[in-house]
């Protein structure tokens, strides 16, 4: 942990999952801004570096031993975790959130038209694109990675794909992730960082809580894919 101040937040989160809760606590973005060093990110946020490091040490000392290490776990196991923990969460929550947003618009639409109308438009686009993205991962990319891992474990020749190296479809998924980040940023701006008008706090509270939970889940989800699964799959193919 003594060297963590010079590591990027991406490296810290990938190497020490227990540290993620500390990064989240101080809103240090290990996913979308993960290339920043912890030292630089803490300085920008005005947070004492030693405070963050101290809490990380405590988190590491008290983390459960059975917590998976996704840097060494099988890729199939990691993909199953992503589907069960993150994809299924999204498939459940996104329709509920859209219905909740519609109810809030019906209640507050006239008073807060400048917020709710564009927010609903952005969210619907976000949901449609994200659900398509999940389907492409589960039906195309994940089975390809599974083939690579199976061949590697058995010592068989690694399969060749018509689209070229696996970095090609991975690149498309990473572009999707960046587009999703942009849509979430639009929602963050439209909602005033999930605060909304003071006079409508109760009407907006449930919606904003769900949007915040969605943002956290997406950071964890994209982190597992962009920073662990995809690089490991690329390494696996390059072993041939």
Protein backbone atom coordinates (compact mmCIF):
# COMPACT_ATOMS: atom_id res chain seq x y z
CA UNK A 1 0.00 0.00 0.00
CA UNK A 2 2.96 2.31 0.48
CA UNK A 3 3.31 2.58 -3.28
CA UNK A 4 -0.40 3.14 -3.97
CA UNK A 5 -0.11 6.93 -4.05
CA UNK A 6 1.86 6.67 -7.30
CA UNK A 7 -0.33 3.98 -8.85
CA UNK A 8 -3.25 4.89 -11.03
CA UNK A 9 -6.67 4.45 -9.50
CA UNK A 10 -7.38 1.86 -12.18
CA UNK A 11 -4.42 -0.21 -10.99
CA UNK A 12 -5.43 0.13 -7.36
CA UNK A 13 -9.02 -0.94 -8.02
CA UNK A 14 -7.95 -3.86 -10.20
CA UNK A 15 -5.34 -5.08 -7.75
CA UNK A 16 -7.23 -4.43 -4.50
CA UNK A 17 -11.02 -4.75 -4.83
CA UNK A 18 -11.37 -3.90 -1.13
CA UNK A 19 -10.00 -0.43 -1.91
CA UNK A 20 -12.91 0.36 -4.24
CA UNK A 21 -15.24 1.24 -1.37
CA UNK A 22 -12.72 3.81 -0.15
CA UNK A 23 -12.37 5.32 -3.62
CA UNK A 24 -16.16 5.48 -3.87
CA UNK A 25 -16.46 7.08 -0.44
CA UNK A 26 -14.30 9.99 -1.56
CA UNK A 27 -15.78 10.02 -5.08
CA UNK A 28 -12.41 9.24 -6.66
CA UNK A 29 -13.36 7.88 -10.06
CA UNK A 30 -11.38 4.67 -10.60
CA UNK A 31 -13.31 3.81 -13.76
CA UNK A 32 -13.81 6.68 -16.19
CA UNK A 33 -10.86 8.69 -14.80
CA UNK A 34 -8.86 5.66 -13.75
CA UNK A 35 -5.65 6.74 -15.47
CA UNK A 36 -5.02 9.40 -12.83
CA UNK A 37 -2.69 8.58 -9.97
CA UNK A 38 -4.26 8.40 -6.53
CA UNK A 39 -1.99 11.23 -5.43
CA UNK A 40 -3.17 13.50 -8.26
CA UNK A 41 -6.85 12.61 -7.84
CA UNK A 42 -6.78 13.20 -4.08
CA UNK A 43 -5.04 16.56 -4.58
CA UNK A 44 -7.65 17.64 -7.15
CA UNK A 45 -10.45 16.67 -4.77
CA UNK A 46 -8.81 18.42 -1.81
CA UNK A 47 -8.59 15.18 0.18
CA UNK A 48 -5.52 14.39 2.31
CA UNK A 49 -3.72 11.53 0.62
CA UNK A 50 -2.78 9.86 3.90
CA UNK A 51 -6.45 9.75 4.90
CA UNK A 52 -7.29 7.74 1.80
CA UNK A 53 -4.25 5.49 2.17
CA UNK A 54 -4.99 4.84 5.83
CA UNK A 55 -8.57 3.79 5.08
CA UNK A 56 -7.37 1.58 2.25
CA UNK A 57 -4.97 -0.19 4.59
CA UNK A 58 -7.82 -0.80 7.01
CA UNK A 59 -10.09 -2.05 4.23
CA UNK A 60 -7.43 -4.47 3.03
CA UNK A 61 -6.79 -5.72 6.55
CA UNK A 62 -10.47 -6.41 7.21
CA UNK A 63 -11.62 -7.61 3.77
CA UNK A 64 -13.09 -11.08 3.56
CA UNK A 65 -10.63 -13.73 2.52
CA UNK A 66 -13.18 -15.29 0.19
CA UNK A 67 -13.47 -12.14 -1.93
CA UNK A 68 -12.66 -13.21 -5.51
CA UNK A 69 -9.46 -12.04 -7.11
CA UNK A 70 -10.62 -11.27 -10.64
CA UNK A 71 -7.04 -10.99 -11.85
CA UNK A 72 -6.57 -14.73 -11.36
CA UNK A 73 -10.11 -16.18 -11.44
CA UNK A 74 -11.21 -17.94 -14.61
CA UNK A 75 -12.54 -15.64 -17.29
CA UNK A 76 -15.73 -17.69 -17.54
CA UNK A 77 -16.25 -17.23 -13.79
CA UNK A 78 -15.68 -13.49 -14.15
CA UNK A 79 -18.12 -13.24 -17.05
CA UNK A 80 -20.76 -15.16 -15.11
CA UNK A 81 -20.30 -12.71 -12.24
CA UNK A 82 -20.69 -9.75 -14.59
CA UNK A 83 -23.90 -11.17 -16.05
CA UNK A 84 -25.46 -12.15 -12.71
CA UNK A 85 -24.32 -9.14 -10.69
CA UNK A 86 -24.46 -6.35 -13.26
CA UNK A 87 -26.41 -7.34 -16.38
CA UNK A 88 -29.32 -8.75 -14.40
CA UNK A 89 -29.34 -5.69 -12.15
CA UNK A 90 -29.65 -3.47 -15.22
CA UNK A 91 -32.38 -5.57 -16.80
CA UNK A 92 -34.39 -5.27 -13.60
CA UNK A 93 -33.67 -1.65 -12.73
CA UNK A 94 -33.77 0.12 -16.10
CA UNK A 95 -37.49 -0.56 -16.78
CA UNK A 96 -38.38 0.36 -13.19
CA UNK A 97 -36.41 3.58 -13.47
CA UNK A 98 -38.09 4.51 -16.73
CA UNK A 99 -41.52 3.97 -15.16
CA UNK A 100 -40.51 6.02 -12.12
CA UNK A 101 -39.24 8.80 -14.35
CA UNK A 102 -42.57 8.82 -16.20
CA UNK A 103 -44.46 9.13 -12.90
CA UNK A 104 -42.26 12.01 -11.76
CA UNK A 105 -42.81 13.73 -15.11
CA UNK A 106 -46.57 13.33 -14.72
CA UNK A 107 -46.36 14.89 -11.25
CA UNK A 108 -43.79 17.59 -11.87
CA UNK A 109 -43.60 17.80 -15.64
CA UNK A 110 -45.14 21.24 -15.97
CA UNK A 111 -43.11 22.79 -13.15
CA UNK A 112 -39.83 21.13 -14.13
CA UNK A 113 -40.22 20.68 -17.86
CA UNK A 114 -36.71 21.94 -18.59
CA UNK A 115 -35.27 19.10 -16.52
CA UNK A 116 -37.67 16.20 -16.89
CA UNK A 117 -38.41 16.25 -20.62
CA UNK A 118 -34.74 16.13 -21.71
CA UNK A 119 -33.88 13.75 -18.85
CA UNK A 120 -36.52 11.28 -19.96
CA UNK A 121 -35.28 11.52 -23.55
CA UNK A 122 -31.65 10.89 -22.55
CA UNK A 123 -32.59 8.03 -20.23
CA UNK A 124 -34.68 6.24 -22.84
CA UNK A 125 -31.80 6.44 -25.32
CA UNK A 126 -29.36 5.30 -22.64
CA UNK A 127 -31.55 2.31 -21.74
CA UNK A 128 -32.07 1.22 -25.34
CA UNK A 129 -28.39 1.41 -26.22
CA UNK A 130 -27.26 -0.25 -22.99
CA UNK A 131 -29.67 -3.16 -23.34
CA UNK A 132 -28.43 -3.73 -26.90
CA UNK A 133 -24.87 -3.61 -25.56
CA UNK A 134 -25.61 -6.25 -22.92
CA UNK A 135 -27.11 -8.54 -25.52
CA UNK A 136 -24.08 -8.21 -27.82
CA UNK A 137 -21.77 -9.05 -24.95
CA UNK A 138 -23.72 -12.12 -23.90
CA UNK A 139 -24.44 -13.43 -27.40
CA UNK A 140 -21.20 -12.53 -29.19
CA UNK A 141 -18.23 -11.31 -27.16
CA UNK A 142 -18.47 -13.44 -24.02
CA UNK A 143 -18.85 -16.71 -25.97
CA UNK A 144 -15.78 -15.75 -28.02
CA UNK A 145 -13.75 -15.15 -24.86
CA UNK A 146 -15.04 -18.45 -23.50
CA UNK A 147 -13.80 -20.23 -26.64
CA UNK A 148 -10.36 -18.69 -26.19
CA UNK A 149 -10.16 -19.71 -22.56
CA UNK A 150 -11.35 -23.27 -23.26
CA UNK A 151 -8.80 -23.73 -26.04
CA UNK A 152 -6.03 -22.27 -23.91
CA UNK A 153 -6.80 -24.58 -20.98
CA UNK A 154 -6.91 -27.68 -23.19
CA UNK A 155 -3.75 -26.81 -25.08
CA UNK A 156 -5.65 -26.71 -28.37
CA UNK A 157 -4.93 -24.23 -31.11
CA UNK A 158 -6.65 -20.95 -30.36
CA UNK A 159 -9.59 -20.23 -32.67
CA UNK A 160 -9.36 -17.63 -35.42
CA UNK A 161 -12.31 -15.32 -35.97
CA UNK A 162 -13.59 -13.66 -39.16
CA UNK A 163 -13.45 -10.21 -37.55
CA UNK A 164 -9.72 -10.55 -36.81
CA UNK A 165 -8.19 -10.25 -33.35
CA UNK A 166 -10.44 -10.10 -30.32
CA UNK A 167 -9.32 -6.53 -29.75
CA UNK A 168 -11.66 -5.52 -32.60
CA UNK A 169 -14.98 -6.45 -30.91
CA UNK A 170 -13.52 -5.42 -27.56
CA UNK A 171 -12.82 -1.99 -29.03
CA UNK A 172 -16.47 -1.68 -30.04
CA UNK A 173 -17.59 -2.56 -26.51
CA UNK A 174 -15.19 0.01 -25.07
CA UNK A 175 -16.60 2.64 -27.43
CA UNK A 176 -20.06 1.72 -26.14
CA UNK A 177 -18.84 2.20 -22.58
CA UNK A 178 -17.59 5.67 -23.42
CA UNK A 179 -20.92 6.54 -25.02
CA UNK A 180 -22.72 5.29 -21.91
CA UNK A 181 -20.47 7.48 -19.76
CA UNK A 182 -21.41 10.50 -21.88
CA UNK A 183 -25.13 9.81 -21.47
CA UNK A 184 -24.75 9.44 -17.71
CA UNK A 185 -22.85 12.72 -17.62
CA UNK A 186 -25.76 14.39 -19.44
CA UNK A 187 -28.16 13.02 -16.81
CA UNK A 188 -25.88 14.24 -14.04
CA UNK A 189 -25.89 17.76 -15.50
CA UNK A 190 -29.64 17.78 -16.13
CA UNK A 191 -30.37 16.80 -12.52
CA UNK A 192 -27.93 19.26 -10.96
CA UNK A 193 -25.72 16.44 -9.67
CA UNK A 194 -28.80 14.52 -8.50
CA UNK A 195 -30.18 17.34 -6.39
CA UNK A 196 -33.06 18.83 -8.38
CA UNK A 197 -35.26 21.72 -7.24
CA UNK A 198 -35.53 22.05 -3.46
CA UNK A 199 -39.30 22.38 -3.55
CA UNK A 200 -39.62 18.99 -5.25
CA UNK A 201 -37.19 17.04 -3.09
CA UNK A 202 -39.61 14.26 -2.18
CA UNK A 203 -40.80 13.73 -5.73
CA UNK A 204 -37.26 13.44 -7.04
CA UNK A 205 -35.63 11.59 -4.15
CA UNK A 206 -36.37 8.01 -5.22
CA UNK A 207 -35.44 8.74 -8.81
CA UNK A 208 -32.14 10.36 -7.88
CA UNK A 209 -31.28 7.55 -5.47
CA UNK A 210 -31.77 5.06 -8.28
CA UNK A 211 -29.71 7.15 -10.70
CA UNK A 212 -26.88 7.32 -8.18
CA UNK A 213 -27.05 3.56 -7.63
CA UNK A 214 -27.00 3.07 -11.38
CA UNK A 215 -23.91 5.25 -11.72
CA UNK A 216 -22.08 3.26 -9.04
CA UNK A 217 -23.03 -0.06 -10.59
CA UNK A 218 -21.88 1.11 -14.01
CA UNK A 219 -18.49 2.14 -12.64
CA UNK A 220 -17.99 -1.28 -11.06
CA UNK A 221 -19.33 -3.03 -14.16
CA UNK A 222 -17.22 -1.16 -16.69
CA UNK A 223 -14.16 -1.41 -14.44
CA UNK A 224 -14.39 -5.22 -14.42
CA UNK A 225 -14.69 -5.33 -18.19
CA UNK A 226 -12.37 -2.56 -19.42
CA UNK A 227 -9.64 -2.97 -16.81
CA UNK A 228 -9.65 -6.71 -16.10
CA UNK A 229 -11.69 -8.94 -18.44
CA UNK A 230 -10.79 -7.34 -21.77
CA UNK A 231 -7.04 -6.98 -21.11
CA UNK A 232 -6.84 -10.57 -19.86
CA UNK A 233 -8.70 -11.82 -22.94
CA UNK A 234 -6.28 -9.92 -25.18
CA UNK A 235 -3.31 -11.47 -23.39
CA UNK A 236 -4.85 -14.92 -23.78
CA UNK A 237 -5.15 -14.52 -27.56
CA UNK A 238 -1.60 -13.23 -27.83
CA UNK A 239 -0.26 -16.40 -26.23
CA UNK A 240 -0.78 -18.23 -29.50
